[in-house]
Amino acid sequence: MSRDPGGDHRPDLADPAAARALVADDRVLRFTRGLSLFIAPFLIVAFVILYLFPGETRQLWAWTIRPTMTPMVLGAAYAGGAYFFIRALSERRWSALKSGFLAVAMFATLLGIATVLHWDRFNHGHPAFWLWAFLYFTAPFLVVAAWVRNRRYEAPPRPEEDRLGPVARWTVGVVGVGALAQGVVMFVAPAVMIPVWPWLLTPLTCRVMGAIFCLGSAGIWVFLDPRWTTVRLMLQVEVIMISLILVAAARARSELATDRPLTWLVLGGFALVLAGSVALWIAHERNGRMPAR
């Protein structure tokens, strides 16, 4: 038995078939857990600042964000992320985390790019900015490194594992594709989205919203791996985020442009996804295995 550089045991490779069987045990590496432990506290602090004190971003955040709906939505994303990384500390199966790590890598990469594109919009004299810049200039590489290192231990699906039926699988996947498409449009073409968006955005905050939507791309993974294991934690994260976003919409209702059709499409879409997520959760957790339809 040898030891890999990250401190995790692996078998000798004299027998390749046996080695593959032993290595592919779906473990979560200590490097992955350590990265999760490092990231989670920052996300918790960011959630507290942005969601509980959305009107104080000038004093507390890396840049001033107006109106309050935007920091609350970003705070909701951080809350979901904090839950994800806290769960990663005790999660035993990499298959439960793999899609989330890819989505987080995309989110962090886009925010790093947005920081460079809108460098002048940030408060360079505030410590929060330099912490923001440090995290988003390093996190994409660290998260991708964790995904690459952990992926070689990914175990193939077992025949007895619970899987999403065709209807649920396609629904989750299509929602993921839609979220990714929405996020890309908002990031690449903010001038197109700003005039029709439910609340006031700037080019920077439009790109931030786009990065948040891209987190939904985790759902696309069901096309490759429809196991309930790969969906379960992502569904919990989604429920946390969307619930907080809908509460934020109620708190900031005076900031919403109720005369814009997209306002009702976005809010209705969030409510529909939340209801569908809860229904999918109940079906699998209560029945153990949902029959394919």
Protein backbone atom coordinates (compact mmCIF):
# COMPACT_ATOMS: atom_id res chain seq x y z
CA MET A 1 0.00 0.00 0.00
CA SER A 2 1.38 3.40 -1.01
CA ARG A 3 0.35 6.93 -0.17
CA ASP A 4 -0.57 9.66 -2.63
CA PRO A 5 0.74 13.23 -2.18
CA GLY A 6 -2.49 14.31 -0.53
CA GLY A 7 -2.09 11.78 2.27
CA ASP A 8 -4.73 9.30 1.04
CA HIS A 9 -3.87 5.61 0.78
CA ARG A 10 -3.96 3.85 -2.55
CA PRO A 11 -3.11 0.29 -3.57
CA ASP A 12 -0.04 -0.82 -5.49
CA LEU A 13 -0.59 -0.97 -9.21
CA ALA A 14 0.89 -4.43 -9.86
CA ASP A 15 -2.60 -5.72 -10.65
CA PRO A 16 -4.28 -2.93 -12.67
CA ALA A 17 -7.78 -4.44 -12.44
CA ALA A 18 -7.58 -4.87 -8.67
CA ALA A 19 -6.06 -1.43 -8.31
CA ARG A 20 -8.91 0.21 -10.22
CA ALA A 21 -11.50 -1.61 -8.11
CA LEU A 22 -9.85 -0.54 -4.86
CA VAL A 23 -9.09 3.03 -5.90
CA ALA A 24 -12.61 3.69 -7.24
CA ASP A 25 -14.22 3.62 -3.81
CA ASP A 26 -15.91 7.04 -4.14
CA ARG A 27 -13.95 8.47 -1.23
CA VAL A 28 -13.71 12.20 -0.51
CA LEU A 29 -10.06 13.20 -0.21
CA ARG A 30 -8.66 15.13 2.71
CA PHE A 31 -7.58 17.84 0.26
CA THR A 32 -11.24 18.25 -0.75
CA ARG A 33 -12.39 18.39 2.86
CA GLY A 34 -9.62 20.83 3.76
CA LEU A 35 -10.60 23.15 0.91
CA SER A 36 -14.23 22.96 2.04
CA LEU A 37 -13.22 23.84 5.60
CA PHE A 38 -11.25 26.82 4.27
CA ILE A 39 -14.05 28.18 2.07
CA ALA A 40 -17.11 27.67 4.30
CA PRO A 41 -16.38 30.41 6.92
CA PHE A 42 -15.96 33.08 4.22
CA LEU A 43 -19.34 32.12 2.74
CA ILE A 44 -21.05 32.25 6.12
CA VAL A 45 -19.70 35.75 6.81
CA ALA A 46 -20.67 36.89 3.31
CA PHE A 47 -24.21 35.57 3.81
CA VAL A 48 -24.60 37.42 7.12
CA ILE A 49 -23.38 40.71 5.64
CA LEU A 50 -25.28 40.62 2.37
CA TYR A 51 -28.55 39.00 3.42
CA LEU A 52 -29.03 40.50 6.87
CA PHE A 53 -27.51 43.93 6.16
CA PRO A 54 -28.11 44.51 2.42
CA GLY A 55 -28.28 48.27 2.88
CA GLU A 56 -24.81 48.47 4.45
CA THR A 57 -22.65 47.24 1.55
CA ARG A 58 -20.85 50.58 1.26
CA GLN A 59 -19.41 50.07 4.74
CA LEU A 60 -19.16 46.28 4.85
CA TRP A 61 -18.60 44.92 1.34
CA ALA A 62 -16.08 45.03 -1.50
CA TRP A 63 -18.24 47.46 -3.45
CA THR A 64 -21.47 49.37 -2.95
CA ILE A 65 -24.46 47.41 -4.23
CA ARG A 66 -27.84 48.98 -4.94
CA PRO A 67 -30.68 48.14 -4.65
CA THR A 68 -30.89 45.71 -1.73
CA MET A 69 -32.36 42.87 -3.82
CA THR A 70 -29.02 42.17 -5.48
CA PRO A 71 -26.93 41.69 -2.31
CA MET A 72 -29.67 39.51 -0.82
CA VAL A 73 -29.68 37.26 -3.89
CA LEU A 74 -25.89 37.01 -3.73
CA GLY A 75 -26.19 36.31 -0.01
CA ALA A 76 -28.65 33.51 -0.75
CA ALA A 77 -26.10 31.97 -3.12
CA TYR A 78 -23.46 32.16 -0.40
CA ALA A 79 -25.82 30.50 2.07
CA GLY A 80 -26.34 27.60 -0.31
CA GLY A 81 -22.59 27.41 -0.89
CA ALA A 82 -21.85 27.42 2.83
CA TYR A 83 -24.27 24.55 3.35
CA PHE A 84 -22.67 22.62 0.48
CA PHE A 85 -19.12 22.95 1.80
CA ILE A 86 -20.15 22.21 5.39
CA ARG A 87 -21.81 19.03 4.18
CA ALA A 88 -18.67 18.19 2.19
CA LEU A 89 -16.78 17.94 5.49
CA SER A 90 -18.71 14.81 6.45
CA GLU A 91 -19.88 13.50 3.08
CA ARG A 92 -18.45 10.04 2.38
CA ARG A 93 -19.21 9.80 -1.34
CA TRP A 94 -17.56 11.94 -3.99
CA SER A 95 -20.52 11.29 -6.31
CA ALA A 96 -22.62 13.51 -4.04
CA LEU A 97 -20.23 16.45 -4.47
CA LYS A 98 -18.81 16.25 -7.99
CA SER A 99 -21.42 18.30 -9.83
CA GLY A 100 -21.39 20.96 -7.13
CA PHE A 101 -17.64 21.44 -7.36
CA LEU A 102 -17.84 22.04 -11.10
CA ALA A 103 -20.65 24.56 -10.67
CA VAL A 104 -18.71 26.38 -7.94
CA ALA A 105 -15.63 26.49 -10.18
CA MET A 106 -17.67 28.15 -12.92
CA PHE A 107 -19.23 30.61 -10.46
CA ALA A 108 -15.86 31.59 -9.00
CA THR A 109 -14.26 31.92 -12.43
CA LEU A 110 -17.00 34.23 -13.68
CA LEU A 111 -16.76 36.43 -10.58
CA GLY A 112 -13.00 36.64 -11.03
CA ILE A 113 -13.49 37.76 -14.63
CA ALA A 114 -16.18 40.26 -13.57
CA THR A 115 -13.78 41.71 -11.02
CA VAL A 116 -11.20 42.39 -13.73
CA LEU A 117 -13.79 43.81 -16.14
CA HIS A 118 -15.22 46.20 -13.53
CA TRP A 119 -12.11 46.88 -11.48
CA ASP A 120 -12.98 50.57 -11.09
CA ARG A 121 -16.32 49.78 -9.44
CA PHE A 122 -14.72 48.22 -6.36
CA ASN A 123 -13.70 49.90 -3.14
CA HIS A 124 -9.95 49.28 -3.30
CA GLY A 125 -9.40 50.84 0.11
CA HIS A 126 -11.59 48.31 1.91
CA PRO A 127 -10.12 45.06 3.25
CA ALA A 128 -13.22 43.25 1.97
CA PHE A 129 -12.15 44.01 -1.60
CA TRP A 130 -8.71 42.46 -1.24
CA LEU A 131 -10.25 39.42 0.41
CA TRP A 132 -12.76 39.21 -2.46
CA ALA A 133 -9.99 39.52 -5.05
CA PHE A 134 -7.81 36.92 -3.33
CA LEU A 135 -10.64 34.40 -3.14
CA TYR A 136 -11.86 34.80 -6.71
CA PHE A 137 -8.39 34.84 -8.22
CA THR A 138 -7.44 31.61 -6.41
CA ALA A 139 -10.65 29.67 -5.73
CA PRO A 140 -11.26 28.58 -9.36
CA PHE A 141 -7.88 26.84 -9.49
CA LEU A 142 -8.24 25.26 -6.05
CA VAL A 143 -11.76 23.97 -6.71
CA VAL A 144 -10.81 22.55 -10.11
CA ALA A 145 -7.76 20.93 -8.53
CA ALA A 146 -9.97 19.27 -5.92
CA TRP A 147 -12.34 18.02 -8.62
CA VAL A 148 -9.53 16.60 -10.77
CA ARG A 149 -7.78 14.90 -7.84
CA ASN A 150 -10.95 13.43 -6.40
CA ARG A 151 -12.38 12.32 -9.73
CA ARG A 152 -9.98 9.39 -10.08
CA TYR A 153 -11.56 7.82 -7.00
CA GLU A 154 -15.10 8.10 -8.38
CA ALA A 155 -16.94 4.77 -8.22
CA PRO A 156 -19.20 3.55 -11.04
CA PRO A 157 -22.94 3.36 -10.28
CA ARG A 158 -24.15 0.20 -8.60
CA PRO A 159 -27.18 -1.58 -10.10
CA GLU A 160 -29.21 -1.28 -6.91
CA GLU A 161 -28.74 2.49 -6.53
CA ASP A 162 -31.80 4.72 -6.71
CA ARG A 163 -32.06 6.62 -9.99
CA LEU A 164 -34.24 9.41 -11.30
CA GLY A 165 -36.93 8.32 -13.71
CA PRO A 166 -36.88 9.71 -17.28
CA VAL A 167 -39.34 12.53 -16.53
CA ALA A 168 -37.47 13.74 -13.44
CA ARG A 169 -34.12 13.29 -15.14
CA TRP A 170 -35.05 15.38 -18.17
CA THR A 171 -36.79 18.01 -16.04
CA VAL A 172 -33.75 18.50 -13.79
CA GLY A 173 -31.40 18.49 -16.77
CA VAL A 174 -33.43 20.97 -18.82
CA VAL A 175 -33.73 23.32 -15.83
CA GLY A 176 -29.94 23.12 -15.49
CA VAL A 177 -29.46 23.95 -19.17
CA GLY A 178 -31.92 26.84 -18.88
CA ALA A 179 -30.14 28.24 -15.81
CA LEU A 180 -26.79 28.01 -17.58
CA ALA A 181 -28.16 29.71 -20.71
CA GLN A 182 -29.71 32.51 -18.64
CA GLY A 183 -26.47 32.98 -16.74
CA VAL A 184 -24.35 33.12 -19.90
CA VAL A 185 -26.62 35.73 -21.52
CA MET A 186 -26.54 37.90 -18.40
CA PHE A 187 -22.77 37.65 -18.16
CA VAL A 188 -21.94 38.12 -21.84
CA ALA A 189 -24.62 40.67 -22.78
CA PRO A 190 -25.67 42.69 -19.71
CA ALA A 191 -26.95 45.51 -21.93
CA VAL A 192 -29.61 43.14 -23.24
CA MET A 193 -30.83 42.05 -19.81
CA ILE A 194 -30.61 45.24 -17.74
CA PRO A 195 -33.63 47.00 -19.37
CA VAL A 196 -35.95 44.03 -18.82
CA TRP A 197 -34.71 42.62 -15.52
CA PRO A 198 -37.11 42.65 -12.53
CA TRP A 199 -34.94 45.06 -10.53
CA LEU A 200 -32.23 47.63 -11.17
CA LEU A 201 -28.89 46.21 -12.30
CA THR A 202 -25.56 47.63 -13.38
CA PRO A 203 -23.23 45.82 -15.80
CA LEU A 204 -21.29 44.46 -12.79
CA THR A 205 -24.32 43.25 -10.85
CA CYS A 206 -25.85 41.80 -14.01
CA ARG A 207 -22.73 39.68 -14.47
CA VAL A 208 -22.86 38.70 -10.80
CA MET A 209 -26.45 37.57 -11.26
CA GLY A 210 -25.34 35.65 -14.34
CA ALA A 211 -22.71 33.82 -12.31
CA ILE A 212 -25.36 32.90 -9.74
CA PHE A 213 -27.64 31.46 -12.42
CA CYS A 214 -24.72 29.39 -13.72
CA LEU A 215 -24.69 27.54 -10.39
CA GLY A 216 -27.81 25.82 -11.67
CA SER A 217 -25.65 24.08 -14.28
CA ALA A 218 -25.04 21.38 -11.65
CA GLY A 219 -28.35 19.91 -12.76
CA ILE A 220 -26.95 19.11 -16.21
CA TRP A 221 -24.92 16.31 -14.65
CA VAL A 222 -28.04 14.11 -14.42
CA PHE A 223 -27.78 13.44 -18.15
CA LEU A 224 -24.54 11.57 -17.41
CA ASP A 225 -25.31 10.25 -13.94
CA PRO A 226 -29.00 10.11 -12.95
CA ARG A 227 -28.41 8.58 -9.52
CA TRP A 228 -30.29 10.11 -6.61
CA THR A 229 -26.93 10.31 -4.83
CA THR A 230 -25.67 12.89 -7.33
CA VAL A 231 -28.84 14.98 -7.05
CA ARG A 232 -29.70 14.81 -3.35
CA LEU A 233 -27.29 17.40 -1.91
CA MET A 234 -27.64 19.70 -4.93
CA LEU A 235 -31.40 19.69 -4.40
CA GLN A 236 -30.96 20.75 -0.77
CA VAL A 237 -28.66 23.58 -1.80
CA GLU A 238 -31.16 24.68 -4.44
CA VAL A 239 -34.04 24.71 -1.95
CA ILE A 240 -32.03 26.86 0.47
CA MET A 241 -31.04 29.35 -2.22
CA ILE A 242 -34.43 29.71 -3.87
CA SER A 243 -36.29 29.94 -0.55
CA LEU A 244 -34.01 32.77 0.55
CA ILE A 245 -34.37 34.51 -2.83
CA LEU A 246 -38.17 34.42 -2.60
CA VAL A 247 -38.02 35.80 0.95
CA ALA A 248 -35.68 38.52 -0.35
CA ALA A 249 -38.21 39.37 -3.05
CA ALA A 250 -40.85 39.85 -0.36
CA ARG A 251 -38.49 42.02 1.69
CA ALA A 252 -37.51 44.15 -1.33
CA ARG A 253 -40.89 44.11 -3.10
CA SER A 254 -40.85 47.88 -3.55
CA GLU A 255 -37.70 47.49 -5.67
CA LEU A 256 -39.32 45.08 -8.14
CA ALA A 257 -40.60 46.40 -11.46
CA THR A 258 -44.05 44.81 -11.43
CA ASP A 259 -44.84 46.19 -14.90
CA ARG A 260 -42.15 44.03 -16.51
CA PRO A 261 -43.25 40.57 -17.68
CA LEU A 262 -39.87 39.10 -16.76
CA THR A 263 -40.50 39.95 -13.12
CA TRP A 264 -43.36 37.48 -12.93
CA LEU A 265 -41.58 34.93 -15.11
CA VAL A 266 -38.52 34.96 -12.85
CA LEU A 267 -40.45 34.84 -9.58
CA GLY A 268 -42.90 32.27 -10.92
CA GLY A 269 -40.02 30.20 -12.27
CA PHE A 270 -38.29 30.23 -8.89
CA ALA A 271 -41.51 29.19 -7.15
CA LEU A 272 -42.11 26.41 -9.66
CA VAL A 273 -38.57 25.05 -9.34
CA LEU A 274 -38.85 25.16 -5.56
CA ALA A 275 -42.14 23.24 -5.59
CA GLY A 276 -40.75 20.68 -8.04
CA SER A 277 -37.60 20.23 -5.96
CA VAL A 278 -39.60 19.61 -2.80
CA ALA A 279 -41.85 17.14 -4.61
CA LEU A 280 -38.83 15.26 -6.00
CA TRP A 281 -37.25 15.14 -2.57
CA ILE A 282 -40.40 13.76 -0.95
CA ALA A 283 -40.82 11.14 -3.66
CA HIS A 284 -37.31 9.75 -3.24
CA GLU A 285 -36.83 10.16 0.49
CA ARG A 286 -40.24 8.78 1.43
CA ASN A 287 -40.43 5.91 -1.03
CA GLY A 288 -36.75 5.01 -1.18
CA ARG A 289 -36.96 4.41 -4.91
CA MET A 290 -39.18 6.31 -7.31
CA PRO A 291 -40.29 4.11 -10.19
CA ALA A 292 -39.25 5.27 -13.63
CA ARG A 293 -42.03 6.90 -15.61
